[in-house]
Amino acid sequence: MTNTETIQSLIDSREGYNVEFKVRVPSKVRELTEEICAFANADGGYLLIGVDDNGQIIGTGLENDKRSAIQGSISEISPALHCDMYAVNIEDKTVWVI
C-alpha cells in the first residue's frame, strides 16, 4: 500500500505513462480492466479513481458491488494479475487506488 504523500505526489505530477485518473468508475468496468492490463504490460502503474483529468481531487465512494465487479473483472486477466485496491483520504475526500 502506498502512503497518502506518495499518492498526492502522483496527482501533482499529473497523468502520464504510469498514472491514470478517473473521476468515477465507468459504467463498463471493463474499461478499468483494460487500463490495468495496459499497466501490467508496461512497467506497472496507478489508476486513481476520484481525480479528474486536471488533477483535481473530486473524491468518490465505491460500494461493495462496484468493488466486487472491479475485482471480478481483474480476475479475468490472464495470466493472473495481483492488484491492490484501497482507499486513501486526501483533502477529506476518498480516492481509490488500484
C-alpha atoms as a PDB file:
ATOM      1  CA  MET A   1       0.000   0.000   0.000  1.00  0.00           C
ATOM      2  CA  THR A   2       1.312   3.410  -0.964  1.00  0.00           C
ATOM      3  CA  ASN A   3       1.059   6.237   1.559  1.00  0.00           C
ATOM      4  CA  THR A   4      -1.007   9.394   1.218  1.00  0.00           C
ATOM      5  CA  GLU A   5       2.004  11.613   0.449  1.00  0.00           C
ATOM      6  CA  THR A   6       3.042   9.390  -2.451  1.00  0.00           C
ATOM      7  CA  ILE A   7      -0.475   9.403  -3.913  1.00  0.00           C
ATOM      8  CA  GLN A   8      -0.619  13.208  -3.574  1.00  0.00           C
ATOM      9  CA  SER A   9       2.726  13.385  -5.384  1.00  0.00           C
ATOM     10  CA  LEU A  10       1.356  11.232  -8.219  1.00  0.00           C
ATOM     11  CA  ILE A  11      -1.663  13.543  -8.516  1.00  0.00           C
ATOM     12  CA  ASP A  12       0.562  16.633  -8.520  1.00  0.00           C
ATOM     13  CA  SER A  13       2.700  15.106 -11.294  1.00  0.00           C
ATOM     14  CA  ARG A  14      -0.410  14.618 -13.486  1.00  0.00           C
ATOM     15  CA  GLU A  15      -1.368  11.715 -15.718  1.00  0.00           C
ATOM     16  CA  GLY A  16       1.374  10.025 -17.629  1.00  0.00           C
ATOM     17  CA  TYR A  17       2.939   6.746 -18.642  1.00  0.00           C
ATOM     18  CA  ASN A  18       2.193   5.074 -15.316  1.00  0.00           C
ATOM     19  CA  VAL A  19      -0.629   7.158 -13.809  1.00  0.00           C
ATOM     20  CA  GLU A  20      -4.250   7.402 -14.965  1.00  0.00           C
ATOM     21  CA  PHE A  21      -7.063   9.421 -13.363  1.00  0.00           C
ATOM     22  CA  LYS A  22     -10.754   8.561 -13.385  1.00  0.00           C
ATOM     23  CA  VAL A  23     -13.443  10.738 -11.802  1.00  0.00           C
ATOM     24  CA  ARG A  24     -15.589   7.674 -11.151  1.00  0.00           C
ATOM     25  CA  VAL A  25     -15.882   4.041 -12.117  1.00  0.00           C
ATOM     26  CA  PRO A  26     -17.144   3.918 -15.710  1.00  0.00           C
ATOM     27  CA  SER A  27     -20.429   2.134 -16.387  1.00  0.00           C
ATOM     28  CA  LYS A  28     -18.404  -0.544 -18.181  1.00  0.00           C
ATOM     29  CA  VAL A  29     -15.959  -1.795 -15.549  1.00  0.00           C
ATOM     30  CA  ARG A  30     -14.021  -3.485 -18.349  1.00  0.00           C
ATOM     31  CA  GLU A  31     -12.615  -0.047 -19.274  1.00  0.00           C
ATOM     32  CA  LEU A  32     -10.759  -0.017 -15.948  1.00  0.00           C
ATOM     33  CA  THR A  33      -9.539  -3.549 -16.541  1.00  0.00           C
ATOM     34  CA  GLU A  34      -8.117  -2.533 -19.917  1.00  0.00           C
ATOM     35  CA  GLU A  35      -6.164   0.293 -18.254  1.00  0.00           C
ATOM     36  CA  ILE A  36      -4.869  -2.083 -15.585  1.00  0.00           C
ATOM     37  CA  CYS A  37      -3.881  -4.632 -18.211  1.00  0.00           C
ATOM     38  CA  ALA A  38      -2.010  -1.931 -20.147  1.00  0.00           C
ATOM     39  CA  PHE A  39      -0.068  -1.010 -16.996  1.00  0.00           C
ATOM     40  CA  ALA A  40       0.722  -4.695 -16.405  1.00  0.00           C
ATOM     41  CA  ASN A  41       2.114  -4.984 -19.938  1.00  0.00           C
ATOM     42  CA  ALA A  42       4.322  -1.937 -19.382  1.00  0.00           C
ATOM     43  CA  ASP A  43       6.143  -1.023 -16.162  1.00  0.00           C
ATOM     44  CA  GLY A  44       3.108  -1.062 -13.856  1.00  0.00           C
ATOM     45  CA  GLY A  45       1.211   1.976 -12.714  1.00  0.00           C
ATOM     46  CA  TYR A  46      -1.518   3.559 -10.656  1.00  0.00           C
ATOM     47  CA  LEU A  47      -5.161   4.035 -11.509  1.00  0.00           C
ATOM     48  CA  LEU A  48      -6.630   6.738  -9.261  1.00  0.00           C
ATOM     49  CA  ILE A  49     -10.412   6.911  -9.046  1.00  0.00           C
ATOM     50  CA  GLY A  50     -11.829  10.168  -7.698  1.00  0.00           C
ATOM     51  CA  VAL A  51      -9.437  12.511  -9.527  1.00  0.00           C
ATOM     52  CA  ASP A  52     -10.316  14.460 -12.682  1.00  0.00           C
ATOM     53  CA  ASP A  53      -8.068  14.876 -15.745  1.00  0.00           C
ATOM     54  CA  ASN A  54      -6.756  18.190 -14.384  1.00  0.00           C
ATOM     55  CA  GLY A  55      -5.578  16.588 -11.139  1.00  0.00           C
ATOM     56  CA  GLN A  56      -8.411  18.000  -9.054  1.00  0.00           C
ATOM     57  CA  ILE A  57      -9.436  15.648  -6.266  1.00  0.00           C
ATOM     58  CA  ILE A  58     -13.182  15.062  -6.572  1.00  0.00           C
ATOM     59  CA  GLY A  59     -13.409  12.030  -4.308  1.00  0.00           C
ATOM     60  CA  THR A  60     -15.678   9.065  -4.792  1.00  0.00           C
ATOM     61  CA  GLY A  61     -17.218   6.211  -2.917  1.00  0.00           C
ATOM     62  CA  LEU A  62     -17.123   2.605  -4.095  1.00  0.00           C
ATOM     63  CA  GLU A  63     -19.913   0.408  -2.866  1.00  0.00           C
ATOM     64  CA  ASN A  64     -19.216  -3.271  -2.306  1.00  0.00           C
ATOM     65  CA  ASP A  65     -20.904  -4.259  -5.569  1.00  0.00           C
ATOM     66  CA  LYS A  66     -18.634  -1.927  -7.601  1.00  0.00           C
ATOM     67  CA  ARG A  67     -15.520  -3.187  -5.807  1.00  0.00           C
ATOM     68  CA  SER A  68     -16.602  -6.769  -6.447  1.00  0.00           C
ATOM     69  CA  ALA A  69     -17.232  -6.005 -10.121  1.00  0.00           C
ATOM     70  CA  ILE A  70     -13.764  -4.451 -10.465  1.00  0.00           C
ATOM     71  CA  GLN A  71     -12.076  -7.363  -8.687  1.00  0.00           C
ATOM     72  CA  GLY A  72     -14.066  -9.856 -10.765  1.00  0.00           C
ATOM     73  CA  SER A  73     -13.040  -8.144 -13.978  1.00  0.00           C
ATOM     74  CA  ILE A  74      -9.372  -8.067 -12.912  1.00  0.00           C
ATOM     75  CA  SER A  75      -9.550 -11.794 -12.095  1.00  0.00           C
ATOM     76  CA  GLU A  76     -10.378 -12.456 -15.760  1.00  0.00           C
ATOM     77  CA  ILE A  77      -6.953 -11.172 -16.851  1.00  0.00           C
ATOM     78  CA  SER A  78      -4.694 -13.999 -17.976  1.00  0.00           C
ATOM     79  CA  PRO A  79      -2.101 -14.723 -16.813  1.00  0.00           C
ATOM     80  CA  ALA A  80      -3.375 -13.918 -13.343  1.00  0.00           C
ATOM     81  CA  LEU A  81      -2.559 -10.448 -12.083  1.00  0.00           C
ATOM     82  CA  HIS A  82      -2.432  -9.340  -8.463  1.00  0.00           C
ATOM     83  CA  CYS A  83      -3.588  -5.752  -7.890  1.00  0.00           C
ATOM     84  CA  ASP A  84      -4.091  -3.918  -4.635  1.00  0.00           C
ATOM     85  CA  MET A  85      -7.221  -1.795  -4.355  1.00  0.00           C
ATOM     86  CA  TYR A  86      -7.566   0.550  -1.407  1.00  0.00           C
ATOM     87  CA  ALA A  87      -8.939   3.928  -0.368  1.00  0.00           C
ATOM     88  CA  VAL A  88      -6.802   6.933   0.564  1.00  0.00           C
ATOM     89  CA  ASN A  89      -8.176  10.042   2.251  1.00  0.00           C
ATOM     90  CA  ILE A  90      -6.769  13.222   0.681  1.00  0.00           C
ATOM     91  CA  GLU A  91      -8.194  16.681   1.415  1.00  0.00           C
ATOM     92  CA  ASP A  92     -11.070  14.983   3.280  1.00  0.00           C
ATOM     93  CA  LYS A  93     -12.048  13.165   0.073  1.00  0.00           C
ATOM     94  CA  THR A  94     -11.731   9.490  -0.776  1.00  0.00           C
ATOM     95  CA  VAL A  95      -9.510   8.473  -3.677  1.00  0.00           C
ATOM     96  CA  TRP A  96      -9.408   4.816  -4.665  1.00  0.00           C
ATOM     97  CA  VAL A  97      -6.057   3.432  -5.754  1.00  0.00           C
ATOM     98  CA  ILE A  98      -5.584   0.359  -7.930  1.00  0.00           C
END
